[in-house]
C-alpha atoms as a PDB file:
ATOM      1  CA  MET A   1     103.116 106.775  93.168  1.00  0.00           C
ATOM      2  CA  GLY A   2     105.728 105.108  95.341  1.00  0.00           C
ATOM      3  CA  THR A   3     108.934 103.583  94.102  1.00  0.00           C
ATOM      4  CA  TYR A   4     107.561 100.149  94.999  1.00  0.00           C
ATOM      5  CA  GLY A   5     104.182 100.492  93.338  1.00  0.00           C
ATOM      6  CA  ARG A   6     101.061 102.448  94.201  1.00  0.00           C
ATOM      7  CA  ASN A   7     100.889 101.556  97.878  1.00  0.00           C
ATOM      8  CA  PHE A   8     104.370 101.575  99.426  1.00  0.00           C
ATOM      9  CA  ASP A   9     107.660 103.427  99.493  1.00  0.00           C
ATOM     10  CA  PHE A  10     110.552 104.148 101.832  1.00  0.00           C
ATOM     11  CA  ARG A  11     110.814 107.658 103.242  1.00  0.00           C
ATOM     12  CA  GLN A  12     114.161 106.573 104.689  1.00  0.00           C
ATOM     13  CA  SER A  13     115.701 103.395 103.267  1.00  0.00           C
ATOM     14  CA  PRO A  14     117.195 100.559 105.297  1.00  0.00           C
ATOM     15  CA  ILE A  15     120.951 100.292 105.593  1.00  0.00           C
ATOM     16  CA  PRO A  16     122.420  97.302 103.716  1.00  0.00           C
ATOM     17  CA  GLN A  17     122.642  95.190 106.886  1.00  0.00           C
ATOM     18  CA  HIS A  18     118.869  95.506 107.339  1.00  0.00           C
ATOM     19  CA  ARG A  19     118.002  94.355 103.813  1.00  0.00           C
ATOM     20  CA  LEU A  20     117.769  90.625 104.372  1.00  0.00           C
ATOM     21  CA  GLY A  21     118.054  89.075 100.934  1.00  0.00           C
ATOM     22  CA  ARG A  22     118.059  85.330 101.549  1.00  0.00           C
ATOM     23  CA  PHE A  23     114.273  85.034 101.485  1.00  0.00           C
ATOM     24  CA  VAL A  24     111.745  83.675  99.008  1.00  0.00           C
ATOM     25  CA  ASN A  25     108.043  84.403  98.830  1.00  0.00           C
ATOM     26  CA  GLY A  26     105.633  81.493  99.163  1.00  0.00           C
ATOM     27  CA  ALA A  27     102.905  80.430  96.762  1.00  0.00           C
ATOM     28  CA  THR A  28     100.828  83.629  97.098  1.00  0.00           C
ATOM     29  CA  ALA A  29     101.779  87.135  96.002  1.00  0.00           C
ATOM     30  CA  VAL A  30     101.976  89.702  98.825  1.00  0.00           C
ATOM     31  CA  PRO A  31     101.946  93.501  98.527  1.00  0.00           C
ATOM     32  CA  GLN A  32     105.171  95.462  98.589  1.00  0.00           C
ATOM     33  CA  GLY A  33     105.564  96.760 102.163  1.00  0.00           C
ATOM     34  CA  ALA A  34     103.360  94.127 103.780  1.00  0.00           C
ATOM     35  CA  PRO A  35     104.457  92.801 107.195  1.00  0.00           C
ATOM     36  CA  VAL A  36     106.002  89.350 106.802  1.00  0.00           C
ATOM     37  CA  VAL A  37     107.702  86.770 108.998  1.00  0.00           C
ATOM     38  CA  ALA A  38     110.067  83.910 108.269  1.00  0.00           C
ATOM     39  CA  SER A  39     108.373  80.551 107.878  1.00  0.00           C
ATOM     40  CA  GLY A  40     109.869  77.148 107.270  1.00  0.00           C
ATOM     41  CA  ALA A  41     113.384  75.870 106.727  1.00  0.00           C
ATOM     42  CA  GLU A  42     115.891  76.959 104.086  1.00  0.00           C
ATOM     43  CA  ASP A  43     115.417  75.616 100.579  1.00  0.00           C
ATOM     44  CA  ASP A  44     118.159  74.063  98.411  1.00  0.00           C
ATOM     45  CA  ASN A  45     119.348  77.556  97.481  1.00  0.00           C
ATOM     46  CA  GLY A  46     119.747  78.687 101.098  1.00  0.00           C
ATOM     47  CA  ARG A  47     116.634  80.875 101.012  1.00  0.00           C
ATOM     48  CA  ARG A  48     114.019  80.922 103.735  1.00  0.00           C
ATOM     49  CA  ALA A  49     110.331  81.348 102.930  1.00  0.00           C
ATOM     50  CA  PHE A  50     108.273  84.196 104.322  1.00  0.00           C
ATOM     51  CA  ALA A  51     104.541  84.665 104.819  1.00  0.00           C
ATOM     52  CA  LEU A  52     102.216  87.472 105.848  1.00  0.00           C
ATOM     53  CA  ALA A  53     102.381  88.091 109.584  1.00  0.00           C
ATOM     54  CA  ALA A  54      99.339  87.066 111.595  1.00  0.00           C
ATOM     55  CA  ASP A  55      96.689  89.641 112.479  1.00  0.00           C
ATOM     56  CA  GLY A  56      97.922  91.679 115.466  1.00  0.00           C
ATOM     57  CA  ALA A  57     101.246  89.809 115.724  1.00  0.00           C
ATOM     58  CA  SER A  58     103.950  91.291 117.942  1.00  0.00           C
ATOM     59  CA  ARG A  59     107.126  92.315 116.174  1.00  0.00           C
ATOM     60  CA  PRO A  60     109.535  89.469 115.422  1.00  0.00           C
ATOM     61  CA  ALA A  61     113.134  89.166 116.501  1.00  0.00           C
ATOM     62  CA  PRO A  62     115.563  90.935 114.126  1.00  0.00           C
ATOM     63  CA  GLY A  63     116.214  88.749 111.104  1.00  0.00           C
ATOM     64  CA  GLN A  64     112.893  86.932 111.471  1.00  0.00           C
ATOM     65  CA  GLY A  65     110.605  89.435 109.805  1.00  0.00           C
ATOM     66  CA  GLY A  66     110.007  92.924 108.467  1.00  0.00           C
ATOM     67  CA  VAL A  67     108.436  94.408 105.340  1.00  0.00           C
ATOM     68  CA  ALA A  68     108.432  92.563 102.016  1.00  0.00           C
ATOM     69  CA  VAL A  69     110.382  94.281  99.227  1.00  0.00           C
ATOM     70  CA  TYR A  70     110.804  93.117  95.632  1.00  0.00           C
ATOM     71  CA  GLU A  71     113.380  94.961  93.559  1.00  0.00           C
ATOM     72  CA  VAL A  72     113.783  94.126  89.897  1.00  0.00           C
ATOM     73  CA  PRO A  73     116.870  95.527  88.188  1.00  0.00           C
ATOM     74  CA  ASP A  74     115.820  94.178  84.808  1.00  0.00           C
ATOM     75  CA  ASN A  75     112.384  93.116  83.567  1.00  0.00           C
ATOM     76  CA  THR A  76     113.817  90.621  81.053  1.00  0.00           C
ATOM     77  CA  GLY A  77     111.999  87.324  81.312  1.00  0.00           C
ATOM     78  CA  LEU A  78     109.291  88.654  83.634  1.00  0.00           C
ATOM     79  CA  GLY A  79     106.352  88.190  81.309  1.00  0.00           C
ATOM     80  CA  LEU A  80     106.528  91.384  79.264  1.00  0.00           C
ATOM     81  CA  VAL A  81     104.863  89.614  76.365  1.00  0.00           C
ATOM     82  CA  ALA A  82     102.056  88.414  78.640  1.00  0.00           C
ATOM     83  CA  ASN A  83     101.769  91.781  80.406  1.00  0.00           C
ATOM     84  CA  PRO A  84     103.260  94.720  78.487  1.00  0.00           C
ATOM     85  CA  LEU A  85     102.035  97.065  81.245  1.00  0.00           C
ATOM     86  CA  ILE A  86     104.945  95.987  83.457  1.00  0.00           C
ATOM     87  CA  THR A  87     107.778  98.118  82.135  1.00  0.00           C
ATOM     88  CA  ARG A  88     109.580  99.402  85.236  1.00  0.00           C
ATOM     89  CA  ALA A  89     110.252  98.385  88.816  1.00  0.00           C
ATOM     90  CA  SER A  90     107.474 100.602  90.163  1.00  0.00           C
ATOM     91  CA  ASP A  91     104.901  98.586  88.188  1.00  0.00           C
ATOM     92  CA  HIS A  92     105.456  95.681  90.568  1.00  0.00           C
ATOM     93  CA  ILE A  93     102.911  96.465  93.261  1.00  0.00           C
ATOM     94  CA  ASP A  94     103.233  92.937  94.670  1.00  0.00           C
ATOM     95  CA  VAL A  95     106.015  90.529  95.510  1.00  0.00           C
ATOM     96  CA  PRO A  96     105.150  87.708  93.071  1.00  0.00           C
ATOM     97  CA  ALA A  97     104.801  84.133  94.273  1.00  0.00           C
ATOM     98  CA  ASP A  98     107.911  81.966  94.417  1.00  0.00           C
ATOM     99  CA  VAL A  99     110.513  84.710  93.819  1.00  0.00           C
ATOM    100  CA  SER A 100     113.539  85.792  95.808  1.00  0.00           C
ATOM    101  CA  ALA A 101     112.822  88.953  97.754  1.00  0.00           C
ATOM    102  CA  GLN A 102     114.066  91.068 100.620  1.00  0.00           C
ATOM    103  CA  VAL A 103     112.709  91.327 104.141  1.00  0.00           C
ATOM    104  CA  CYS A 104     113.672  94.757 105.486  1.00  0.00           C
ATOM    105  CA  HIS A 105     113.709  96.130 109.016  1.00  0.00           C
ATOM    106  CA  GLY A 106     115.704  98.609 111.117  1.00  0.00           C
ATOM    107  CA  THR A 107     114.945 101.452 113.483  1.00  0.00           C
ATOM    108  CA  GLU A 108     116.293 103.953 110.932  1.00  0.00           C
ATOM    109  CA  VAL A 109     113.687 102.855 108.356  1.00  0.00           C
ATOM    110  CA  ARG A 110     110.738 105.126 107.639  1.00  0.00           C
ATOM    111  CA  LEU A 111     107.839 103.672 105.647  1.00  0.00           C
ATOM    112  CA  ALA A 112     105.078 105.300 103.588  1.00  0.00           C
ATOM    113  CA  PHE A 113     101.777 103.597 102.770  1.00  0.00           C
ATOM    114  CA  TRP A 114      98.919 104.682 100.494  1.00  0.00           C
ATOM    115  CA  ASN A 115      95.364 103.388 100.534  1.00  0.00           C
ATOM    116  CA  THR A 116      94.201 103.510  96.913  1.00  0.00           C
ATOM    117  CA  GLU A 117      90.994 103.126  94.954  1.00  0.00           C
ATOM    118  CA  GLU A 118      90.555 101.132  91.765  1.00  0.00           C
ATOM    119  CA  ASP A 119      92.194 102.973  88.876  1.00  0.00           C
ATOM    120  CA  ASP A 120      92.515 102.515  85.125  1.00  0.00           C
ATOM    121  CA  PHE A 121      95.537 104.877  85.027  1.00  0.00           C
ATOM    122  CA  ASP A 122      94.146 107.407  82.568  1.00  0.00           C
ATOM    123  CA  GLY A 123      92.371 104.729  80.571  1.00  0.00           C
ATOM    124  CA  MET A 124      95.536 102.764  79.795  1.00  0.00           C
ATOM    125  CA  ARG A 125      94.599  99.818  82.005  1.00  0.00           C
ATOM    126  CA  THR A 126      91.347  98.081  81.180  1.00  0.00           C
ATOM    127  CA  GLY A 127      89.549  94.897  82.147  1.00  0.00           C
ATOM    128  CA  ALA A 128      91.731  92.631  84.272  1.00  0.00           C
ATOM    129  CA  ASN A 129      94.630  95.104  84.083  1.00  0.00           C
ATOM    130  CA  VAL A 130      93.064  97.891  86.176  1.00  0.00           C
ATOM    131  CA  TYR A 131      94.768  98.622  89.464  1.00  0.00           C
ATOM    132  CA  ALA A 132      92.561  97.087  92.147  1.00  0.00           C
ATOM    133  CA  ALA A 133      91.617  99.072  95.242  1.00  0.00           C
ATOM    134  CA  ARG A 134      93.909  98.346  98.191  1.00  0.00           C
ATOM    135  CA  VAL A 135      93.855  99.263 101.873  1.00  0.00           C
ATOM    136  CA  MET A 136      97.370  99.184 103.308  1.00  0.00           C
ATOM    137  CA  VAL A 137      96.550 100.765 106.696  1.00  0.00           C
ATOM    138  CA  ALA A 138      93.083 100.182 108.126  1.00  0.00           C
ATOM    139  CA  GLY A 139      91.443 103.398 109.282  1.00  0.00           C
ATOM    140  CA  ALA A 140      93.703 105.743 107.317  1.00  0.00           C
ATOM    141  CA  SER A 141      91.014 106.972 104.934  1.00  0.00           C
ATOM    142  CA  GLY A 142      87.253 107.025 104.523  1.00  0.00           C
ATOM    143  CA  ALA A 143      84.484 108.892 106.304  1.00  0.00           C
ATOM    144  CA  THR A 144      85.814 108.296 109.832  1.00  0.00           C
ATOM    145  CA  PRO A 145      89.620 107.933 109.841  1.00  0.00           C
ATOM    146  CA  THR A 146      91.015 106.404 113.031  1.00  0.00           C
ATOM    147  CA  VAL A 147      94.791 106.535 112.533  1.00  0.00           C
ATOM    148  CA  ALA A 148      96.704 109.372 114.208  1.00  0.00           C
ATOM    149  CA  VAL A 149     100.300 110.462 114.746  1.00  0.00           C
ATOM    150  CA  ASP A 150     101.975 108.491 117.586  1.00  0.00           C
ATOM    151  CA  ASP A 151      99.690 105.459 117.105  1.00  0.00           C
ATOM    152  CA  PHE A 152     101.499 102.129 116.945  1.00  0.00           C
ATOM    153  CA  LEU A 153     101.123  99.802 113.935  1.00  0.00           C
ATOM    154  CA  VAL A 154     100.936  96.007 113.909  1.00  0.00           C
ATOM    155  CA  PRO A 155     100.019  93.564 111.127  1.00  0.00           C
ATOM    156  CA  GLY A 156      96.379  93.761 110.065  1.00  0.00           C
ATOM    157  CA  VAL A 157      93.943  91.191 108.707  1.00  0.00           C
ATOM    158  CA  GLY A 158      96.069  90.855 105.576  1.00  0.00           C
ATOM    159  CA  ASN A 159      93.833  91.582 102.607  1.00  0.00           C
ATOM    160  CA  ASP A 160      93.112  94.455 100.220  1.00  0.00           C
ATOM    161  CA  THR A 161      89.777  95.278 101.866  1.00  0.00           C
ATOM    162  CA  ASP A 162      90.584  95.202 105.592  1.00  0.00           C
ATOM    163  CA  GLY A 163      94.241  96.218 105.393  1.00  0.00           C
ATOM    164  CA  TYR A 164      97.724  94.837 105.890  1.00  0.00           C
ATOM    165  CA  TRP A 165      98.507  97.143 108.830  1.00  0.00           C
ATOM    166  CA  LYS A 166      96.354  98.406 111.702  1.00  0.00           C
ATOM    167  CA  VAL A 167      96.624 100.452 114.869  1.00  0.00           C
ATOM    168  CA  GLY A 168      97.589  98.333 117.874  1.00  0.00           C
ATOM    169  CA  GLY A 169     100.336  97.053 120.096  1.00  0.00           C
ATOM    170  CA  THR A 170     102.572  98.897 122.515  1.00  0.00           C
ATOM    171  CA  ALA A 171     106.046 100.410 122.416  1.00  0.00           C
ATOM    172  CA  ASP A 172     107.363  96.921 123.247  1.00  0.00           C
ATOM    173  CA  THR A 173     105.321  94.922 120.707  1.00  0.00           C
ATOM    174  CA  ALA A 174     104.452  97.210 117.759  1.00  0.00           C
ATOM    175  CA  TRP A 175     106.273  97.070 114.438  1.00  0.00           C
ATOM    176  CA  ALA A 176     106.164 100.815 113.728  1.00  0.00           C
ATOM    177  CA  ILE A 177     104.968 104.168 115.069  1.00  0.00           C
ATOM    178  CA  VAL A 178     102.953 106.603 112.956  1.00  0.00           C
ATOM    179  CA  THR A 179     104.787 109.869 112.258  1.00  0.00           C
ATOM    180  CA  GLN A 180     102.453 111.492 109.712  1.00  0.00           C
ATOM    181  CA  VAL A 181      98.897 110.966 108.435  1.00  0.00           C
ATOM    182  CA  ASP A 182      97.018 112.500 105.512  1.00  0.00           C
ATOM    183  CA  THR A 183      93.485 111.094 105.668  1.00  0.00           C
ATOM    184  CA  GLU A 184      92.366 112.935 102.524  1.00  0.00           C
ATOM    185  CA  ILE A 185      94.625 110.849 100.321  1.00  0.00           C
ATOM    186  CA  GLY A 186      94.997 107.851 102.670  1.00  0.00           C
ATOM    187  CA  THR A 187      98.710 108.237 103.357  1.00  0.00           C
ATOM    188  CA  VAL A 188     100.469 107.040 106.487  1.00  0.00           C
ATOM    189  CA  THR A 189     104.182 107.489 107.232  1.00  0.00           C
ATOM    190  CA  ALA A 190     105.670 105.395 110.040  1.00  0.00           C
ATOM    191  CA  GLN A 191     109.041 104.713 111.672  1.00  0.00           C
ATOM    192  CA  MET A 192     109.986 101.061 112.206  1.00  0.00           C
ATOM    193  CA  LEU A 193     110.678 100.017 115.801  1.00  0.00           C
ATOM    194  CA  PHE A 194     113.008  97.027 115.263  1.00  0.00           C
END
């Protein structure tokens, strides 16, 4: 399990200057590590909204996009009564709607993604609380994997079935380059390119 939920982690973290913190998610939750771009003007608190990047979008200018990251130092007031299964930061597999979050980038940043199947976590999560299946990188698992080392990654379709990342782009337009693939467990490690 990754530090940021079941589907995403940093293999090499961004430096502080590449953790852009004056952002707020829109009205729809997005997965940790999803490709996002700035959208709209600043709100009254000086935060700018972000949204999932369009399918196949070229990388944005620095400061205009990156990967969505939601870090919670304290779970107080985050619905523990409504959902007692959220007890630590790694339980947040998504950036919730309408919360302040980071947009991270940087050529020193190395990302790790996991495609996962539905899971009840040893029977502790039942009904609506099971972890849903999620494809982070299209083609990274299944009967005929298509992702390989040195492939470039760009934003994908943007859903749990078809993936948030996909192979595409060029050295000048891609968001990341694949550095390691394990198709048996659906893991992709990639280096950011901006």
